[in-house]
Amino acid sequence: MVTATRVLRREHQSIRGALGLAEHISVRIERGEQSPPGVLAKVMDFFLLFVDRCHHSKEEDVFFPLLESRGVPTSGGPIGVMLMEHDRARGLIQEMSEAAEAYEADGEAAGKRWARSAWDYSGLMQEHFGKEEDVLFRIADNLLSPEEHGAVVARFERIETEKLGPGRHEELEAMMKELIAKNGAH
């Protein structure tokens, strides 16, 4: 059976791949190399659409409220920490987006700003995923029945369609895999 936590873990793996690519690009930019045209824009599309609009929405609109309704505290608890980290991630995505747009015109200075924000974003998200997987997902797997997991997975699928459009979730994952392969990131 596919559980809500399995869906979220699978998405974490896709996002970790994108974070690895962002780190790889950051190293290249910090060495004074140019990022291939359009790559930063595609990475930002992935972070904005796949991560923030879709993945975080699944957690914030469905997963976290269900856990809260089952007694997991938000204020002063693990859900509250996750929500604060989502807000911090949004701020870093904004910084990266602004730097990525300026990169085409401004080059080196904007690239270095993007790289600094990308490193911060990657570190935040890696720690965030560890907390979710080691704490919150374990709680969820102990609290939720198979029926509840099934209902959450169905709502996740609706969120993908509502927030991104039909098939866009899979397109974004495929785009990221291709970018990783073409840019030598692992």
C-alpha atoms as a PDB file:
ATOM      1  CA  MET A   1       0.000   0.000   0.000  1.00  0.00           C
ATOM      2  CA  VAL A   2       1.181   3.493  -0.825  1.00  0.00           C
ATOM      3  CA  THR A   3       1.204   5.627   2.296  1.00  0.00           C
ATOM      4  CA  ALA A   4       1.225   9.396   2.628  1.00  0.00           C
ATOM      5  CA  THR A   5       4.698   9.252   4.141  1.00  0.00           C
ATOM      6  CA  ARG A   6       5.971   7.100   1.270  1.00  0.00           C
ATOM      7  CA  VAL A   7       4.725   9.704  -1.243  1.00  0.00           C
ATOM      8  CA  LEU A   8       6.409  12.509   0.681  1.00  0.00           C
ATOM      9  CA  ARG A   9       9.664  10.526   1.065  1.00  0.00           C
ATOM     10  CA  ARG A  10       9.717   9.843  -2.681  1.00  0.00           C
ATOM     11  CA  GLU A  11       9.314  13.561  -3.326  1.00  0.00           C
ATOM     12  CA  HIS A  12      12.125  14.264  -0.860  1.00  0.00           C
ATOM     13  CA  GLN A  13      14.376  12.077  -3.010  1.00  0.00           C
ATOM     14  CA  SER A  14      13.520  14.087  -6.128  1.00  0.00           C
ATOM     15  CA  ILE A  15      14.102  17.319  -4.240  1.00  0.00           C
ATOM     16  CA  ARG A  16      17.437  16.046  -2.873  1.00  0.00           C
ATOM     17  CA  GLY A  17      18.528  15.475  -6.462  1.00  0.00           C
ATOM     18  CA  ALA A  18      17.624  19.069  -7.310  1.00  0.00           C
ATOM     19  CA  LEU A  19      19.482  20.310  -4.238  1.00  0.00           C
ATOM     20  CA  GLY A  20      22.548  18.365  -5.349  1.00  0.00           C
ATOM     21  CA  LEU A  21      22.319  20.025  -8.761  1.00  0.00           C
ATOM     22  CA  ALA A  22      21.998  23.456  -7.121  1.00  0.00           C
ATOM     23  CA  GLU A  23      25.107  22.747  -5.047  1.00  0.00           C
ATOM     24  CA  HIS A  24      26.971  21.568  -8.158  1.00  0.00           C
ATOM     25  CA  ILE A  25      26.000  24.736 -10.029  1.00  0.00           C
ATOM     26  CA  SER A  26      26.985  26.833  -6.999  1.00  0.00           C
ATOM     27  CA  VAL A  27      30.474  25.338  -6.954  1.00  0.00           C
ATOM     28  CA  ARG A  28      30.874  26.092 -10.664  1.00  0.00           C
ATOM     29  CA  ILE A  29      29.653  29.678 -10.253  1.00  0.00           C
ATOM     30  CA  GLU A  30      31.935  30.222  -7.252  1.00  0.00           C
ATOM     31  CA  ARG A  31      34.864  29.077  -9.429  1.00  0.00           C
ATOM     32  CA  GLY A  32      33.957  31.765 -11.950  1.00  0.00           C
ATOM     33  CA  GLU A  33      32.367  29.394 -14.470  1.00  0.00           C
ATOM     34  CA  GLN A  34      29.131  30.281 -16.205  1.00  0.00           C
ATOM     35  CA  SER A  35      25.956  28.325 -15.632  1.00  0.00           C
ATOM     36  CA  PRO A  36      24.586  27.086 -18.960  1.00  0.00           C
ATOM     37  CA  PRO A  37      21.819  29.348 -20.301  1.00  0.00           C
ATOM     38  CA  GLY A  38      18.401  28.613 -18.886  1.00  0.00           C
ATOM     39  CA  VAL A  39      19.556  26.137 -16.237  1.00  0.00           C
ATOM     40  CA  LEU A  40      19.028  28.460 -13.267  1.00  0.00           C
ATOM     41  CA  ALA A  41      15.527  29.291 -14.518  1.00  0.00           C
ATOM     42  CA  LYS A  42      14.657  25.593 -14.752  1.00  0.00           C
ATOM     43  CA  VAL A  43      16.058  24.879 -11.290  1.00  0.00           C
ATOM     44  CA  MET A  44      14.001  27.769  -9.933  1.00  0.00           C
ATOM     45  CA  ASP A  45      10.870  26.458 -11.705  1.00  0.00           C
ATOM     46  CA  PHE A  46      11.405  23.148  -9.922  1.00  0.00           C
ATOM     47  CA  PHE A  47      11.880  24.774  -6.517  1.00  0.00           C
ATOM     48  CA  LEU A  48       8.938  27.161  -6.972  1.00  0.00           C
ATOM     49  CA  LEU A  49       6.478  24.712  -8.507  1.00  0.00           C
ATOM     50  CA  PHE A  50       7.418  21.204  -7.391  1.00  0.00           C
ATOM     51  CA  VAL A  51       8.748  22.019  -3.928  1.00  0.00           C
ATOM     52  CA  ASP A  52       6.843  25.049  -2.744  1.00  0.00           C
ATOM     53  CA  ARG A  53       3.569  25.062  -4.656  1.00  0.00           C
ATOM     54  CA  CYS A  54       3.024  21.298  -4.650  1.00  0.00           C
ATOM     55  CA  HIS A  55       5.088  19.461  -2.000  1.00  0.00           C
ATOM     56  CA  HIS A  56       4.710  22.071   0.734  1.00  0.00           C
ATOM     57  CA  SER A  57       0.998  22.438  -0.093  1.00  0.00           C
ATOM     58  CA  LYS A  58       0.489  18.709   0.423  1.00  0.00           C
ATOM     59  CA  GLU A  59       2.034  19.017   3.846  1.00  0.00           C
ATOM     60  CA  GLU A  60       0.443  22.326   4.865  1.00  0.00           C
ATOM     61  CA  ASP A  61      -3.060  21.783   3.440  1.00  0.00           C
ATOM     62  CA  VAL A  62      -3.535  18.062   4.132  1.00  0.00           C
ATOM     63  CA  PHE A  63      -0.829  16.210   6.059  1.00  0.00           C
ATOM     64  CA  PHE A  64      -0.091  18.627   8.925  1.00  0.00           C
ATOM     65  CA  PRO A  65      -3.774  19.474   9.638  1.00  0.00           C
ATOM     66  CA  LEU A  66      -4.610  15.766   9.827  1.00  0.00           C
ATOM     67  CA  LEU A  67      -1.763  15.143  12.264  1.00  0.00           C
ATOM     68  CA  GLU A  68      -2.857  18.144  14.312  1.00  0.00           C
ATOM     69  CA  SER A  69      -6.409  16.786  14.427  1.00  0.00           C
ATOM     70  CA  ARG A  70      -4.937  13.550  15.798  1.00  0.00           C
ATOM     71  CA  GLY A  71      -3.151  15.348  18.642  1.00  0.00           C
ATOM     72  CA  VAL A  72       0.258  16.313  17.231  1.00  0.00           C
ATOM     73  CA  PRO A  73       0.871  19.860  18.481  1.00  0.00           C
ATOM     74  CA  THR A  74       1.528  22.682  16.057  1.00  0.00           C
ATOM     75  CA  SER A  75       2.567  25.433  18.439  1.00  0.00           C
ATOM     76  CA  GLY A  76       5.753  24.387  20.181  1.00  0.00           C
ATOM     77  CA  GLY A  77       5.725  21.026  18.415  1.00  0.00           C
ATOM     78  CA  PRO A  78       7.182  19.430  15.312  1.00  0.00           C
ATOM     79  CA  ILE A  79       4.529  20.814  12.955  1.00  0.00           C
ATOM     80  CA  GLY A  80       5.274  24.368  14.079  1.00  0.00           C
ATOM     81  CA  VAL A  81       8.975  23.841  13.374  1.00  0.00           C
ATOM     82  CA  MET A  82       8.193  22.469   9.901  1.00  0.00           C
ATOM     83  CA  LEU A  83       5.984  25.470   9.110  1.00  0.00           C
ATOM     84  CA  MET A  84       8.670  27.939  10.230  1.00  0.00           C
ATOM     85  CA  GLU A  85      11.188  26.139   8.024  1.00  0.00           C
ATOM     86  CA  HIS A  86       8.780  26.271   5.062  1.00  0.00           C
ATOM     87  CA  ASP A  87       8.600  30.054   5.540  1.00  0.00           C
ATOM     88  CA  ARG A  88      12.393  30.315   5.673  1.00  0.00           C
ATOM     89  CA  ALA A  89      12.634  28.159   2.532  1.00  0.00           C
ATOM     90  CA  ARG A  90      10.219  30.500   0.734  1.00  0.00           C
ATOM     91  CA  GLY A  91      12.422  33.456   1.610  1.00  0.00           C
ATOM     92  CA  LEU A  92      15.476  31.695   0.210  1.00  0.00           C
ATOM     93  CA  ILE A  93      13.588  30.697  -2.949  1.00  0.00           C
ATOM     94  CA  GLN A  94      12.688  34.369  -3.393  1.00  0.00           C
ATOM     95  CA  GLU A  95      16.345  35.397  -2.984  1.00  0.00           C
ATOM     96  CA  MET A  96      17.445  32.727  -5.469  1.00  0.00           C
ATOM     97  CA  SER A  97      14.744  33.725  -7.970  1.00  0.00           C
ATOM     98  CA  GLU A  98      15.789  37.376  -7.875  1.00  0.00           C
ATOM     99  CA  ALA A  99      19.445  36.454  -8.292  1.00  0.00           C
ATOM    100  CA  ALA A 100      18.651  34.018 -11.124  1.00  0.00           C
ATOM    101  CA  GLU A 101      16.764  36.738 -13.016  1.00  0.00           C
ATOM    102  CA  ALA A 102      19.634  39.195 -12.516  1.00  0.00           C
ATOM    103  CA  TYR A 103      22.219  36.565 -13.510  1.00  0.00           C
ATOM    104  CA  GLU A 104      21.584  36.913 -17.242  1.00  0.00           C
ATOM    105  CA  ALA A 105      22.295  40.676 -17.079  1.00  0.00           C
ATOM    106  CA  ASP A 106      24.559  41.009 -14.040  1.00  0.00           C
ATOM    107  CA  GLY A 107      26.575  37.811 -14.346  1.00  0.00           C
ATOM    108  CA  GLU A 108      29.126  37.206 -11.640  1.00  0.00           C
ATOM    109  CA  ALA A 109      27.700  39.244  -8.747  1.00  0.00           C
ATOM    110  CA  ALA A 110      24.179  37.835  -9.174  1.00  0.00           C
ATOM    111  CA  GLY A 111      25.605  34.346  -9.621  1.00  0.00           C
ATOM    112  CA  LYS A 112      27.446  34.575  -6.320  1.00  0.00           C
ATOM    113  CA  ARG A 113      24.242  35.781  -4.603  1.00  0.00           C
ATOM    114  CA  TRP A 114      22.387  32.837  -6.124  1.00  0.00           C
ATOM    115  CA  ALA A 115      25.073  30.406  -4.965  1.00  0.00           C
ATOM    116  CA  ARG A 116      25.014  31.729  -1.371  1.00  0.00           C
ATOM    117  CA  SER A 117      21.235  31.407  -1.217  1.00  0.00           C
ATOM    118  CA  ALA A 118      21.349  27.983  -2.874  1.00  0.00           C
ATOM    119  CA  TRP A 119      23.791  26.695  -0.249  1.00  0.00           C
ATOM    120  CA  ASP A 120      21.565  28.054   2.529  1.00  0.00           C
ATOM    121  CA  TYR A 121      18.457  26.566   0.916  1.00  0.00           C
ATOM    122  CA  SER A 122      20.071  23.178   0.414  1.00  0.00           C
ATOM    123  CA  GLY A 123      21.300  23.026   4.010  1.00  0.00           C
ATOM    124  CA  LEU A 124      17.910  24.065   5.360  1.00  0.00           C
ATOM    125  CA  MET A 125      16.006  21.555   3.239  1.00  0.00           C
ATOM    126  CA  GLN A 126      18.365  18.652   4.003  1.00  0.00           C
ATOM    127  CA  GLU A 127      17.955  19.260   7.747  1.00  0.00           C
ATOM    128  CA  HIS A 128      14.221  19.782   7.305  1.00  0.00           C
ATOM    129  CA  PHE A 129      13.784  16.463   5.495  1.00  0.00           C
ATOM    130  CA  GLY A 130      15.744  14.685   8.201  1.00  0.00           C
ATOM    131  CA  LYS A 131      13.415  16.045  10.884  1.00  0.00           C
ATOM    132  CA  GLU A 132      10.315  15.171   8.885  1.00  0.00           C
ATOM    133  CA  GLU A 133      11.491  11.663   8.104  1.00  0.00           C
ATOM    134  CA  ASP A 134      12.945  10.840  11.522  1.00  0.00           C
ATOM    135  CA  VAL A 135      10.245  12.440  13.663  1.00  0.00           C
ATOM    136  CA  LEU A 136       7.045  13.508  11.954  1.00  0.00           C
ATOM    137  CA  PHE A 137       6.712  10.657   9.459  1.00  0.00           C
ATOM    138  CA  ARG A 138       7.276   8.086  12.218  1.00  0.00           C
ATOM    139  CA  ILE A 139       4.568   9.726  14.285  1.00  0.00           C
ATOM    140  CA  ALA A 140       2.242   9.708  11.276  1.00  0.00           C
ATOM    141  CA  ASP A 141       2.897   6.064  10.490  1.00  0.00           C
ATOM    142  CA  ASN A 142       2.018   5.151  14.089  1.00  0.00           C
ATOM    143  CA  LEU A 143      -1.087   7.366  14.221  1.00  0.00           C
ATOM    144  CA  LEU A 144      -2.756   6.983  10.832  1.00  0.00           C
ATOM    145  CA  SER A 145      -4.765   4.005   9.716  1.00  0.00           C
ATOM    146  CA  PRO A 146      -4.341   2.496   6.245  1.00  0.00           C
ATOM    147  CA  GLU A 147      -7.651   4.142   5.285  1.00  0.00           C
ATOM    148  CA  GLU A 148      -6.417   7.549   6.440  1.00  0.00           C
ATOM    149  CA  HIS A 149      -3.183   7.109   4.483  1.00  0.00           C
ATOM    150  CA  GLY A 150      -5.237   6.199   1.410  1.00  0.00           C
ATOM    151  CA  ALA A 151      -7.440   9.265   1.783  1.00  0.00           C
ATOM    152  CA  VAL A 152      -4.393  11.522   2.189  1.00  0.00           C
ATOM    153  CA  VAL A 153      -2.718  10.057  -0.913  1.00  0.00           C
ATOM    154  CA  ALA A 154      -5.899  10.726  -2.912  1.00  0.00           C
ATOM    155  CA  ARG A 155      -5.916  14.339  -1.699  1.00  0.00           C
ATOM    156  CA  PHE A 156      -2.222  14.646  -2.606  1.00  0.00           C
ATOM    157  CA  GLU A 157      -3.064  13.611  -6.164  1.00  0.00           C
ATOM    158  CA  ARG A 158      -5.787  16.271  -6.342  1.00  0.00           C
ATOM    159  CA  ILE A 159      -3.343  18.900  -5.079  1.00  0.00           C
ATOM    160  CA  GLU A 160      -0.883  17.986  -7.850  1.00  0.00           C
ATOM    161  CA  THR A 161      -3.578  18.555 -10.467  1.00  0.00           C
ATOM    162  CA  GLU A 162      -4.990  21.698  -8.837  1.00  0.00           C
ATOM    163  CA  LYS A 163      -1.674  23.396  -8.090  1.00  0.00           C
ATOM    164  CA  LEU A 164       0.331  22.339 -11.149  1.00  0.00           C
ATOM    165  CA  GLY A 165      -2.053  20.980 -13.762  1.00  0.00           C
ATOM    166  CA  PRO A 166      -2.469  17.426 -15.061  1.00  0.00           C
ATOM    167  CA  GLY A 167       0.837  15.592 -15.542  1.00  0.00           C
ATOM    168  CA  ARG A 168       2.985  18.611 -14.611  1.00  0.00           C
ATOM    169  CA  HIS A 169       4.316  16.970 -11.422  1.00  0.00           C
ATOM    170  CA  GLU A 170       5.829  14.144 -13.469  1.00  0.00           C
ATOM    171  CA  GLU A 171       7.109  16.592 -16.114  1.00  0.00           C
ATOM    172  CA  LEU A 172       8.972  18.570 -13.459  1.00  0.00           C
ATOM    173  CA  GLU A 173      10.553  15.408 -12.052  1.00  0.00           C
ATOM    174  CA  ALA A 174      11.624  14.306 -15.549  1.00  0.00           C
ATOM    175  CA  MET A 175      13.020  17.772 -16.320  1.00  0.00           C
ATOM    176  CA  MET A 176      15.083  17.675 -13.128  1.00  0.00           C
ATOM    177  CA  LYS A 177      16.459  14.195 -13.865  1.00  0.00           C
ATOM    178  CA  GLU A 178      17.488  15.404 -17.321  1.00  0.00           C
ATOM    179  CA  LEU A 179      19.149  18.542 -15.905  1.00  0.00           C
ATOM    180  CA  ILE A 180      21.065  16.472 -13.387  1.00  0.00           C
ATOM    181  CA  ALA A 181      22.258  14.083 -16.121  1.00  0.00           C
ATOM    182  CA  LYS A 182      23.269  16.900 -18.504  1.00  0.00           C
ATOM    183  CA  ASN A 183      25.062  18.969 -15.880  1.00  0.00           C
ATOM    184  CA  GLY A 184      27.147  16.245 -14.307  1.00  0.00           C
ATOM    185  CA  ALA A 185      25.520  16.428 -10.883  1.00  0.00           C
ATOM    186  CA  HIS A 186      24.772  13.315  -8.862  1.00  0.00           C
END
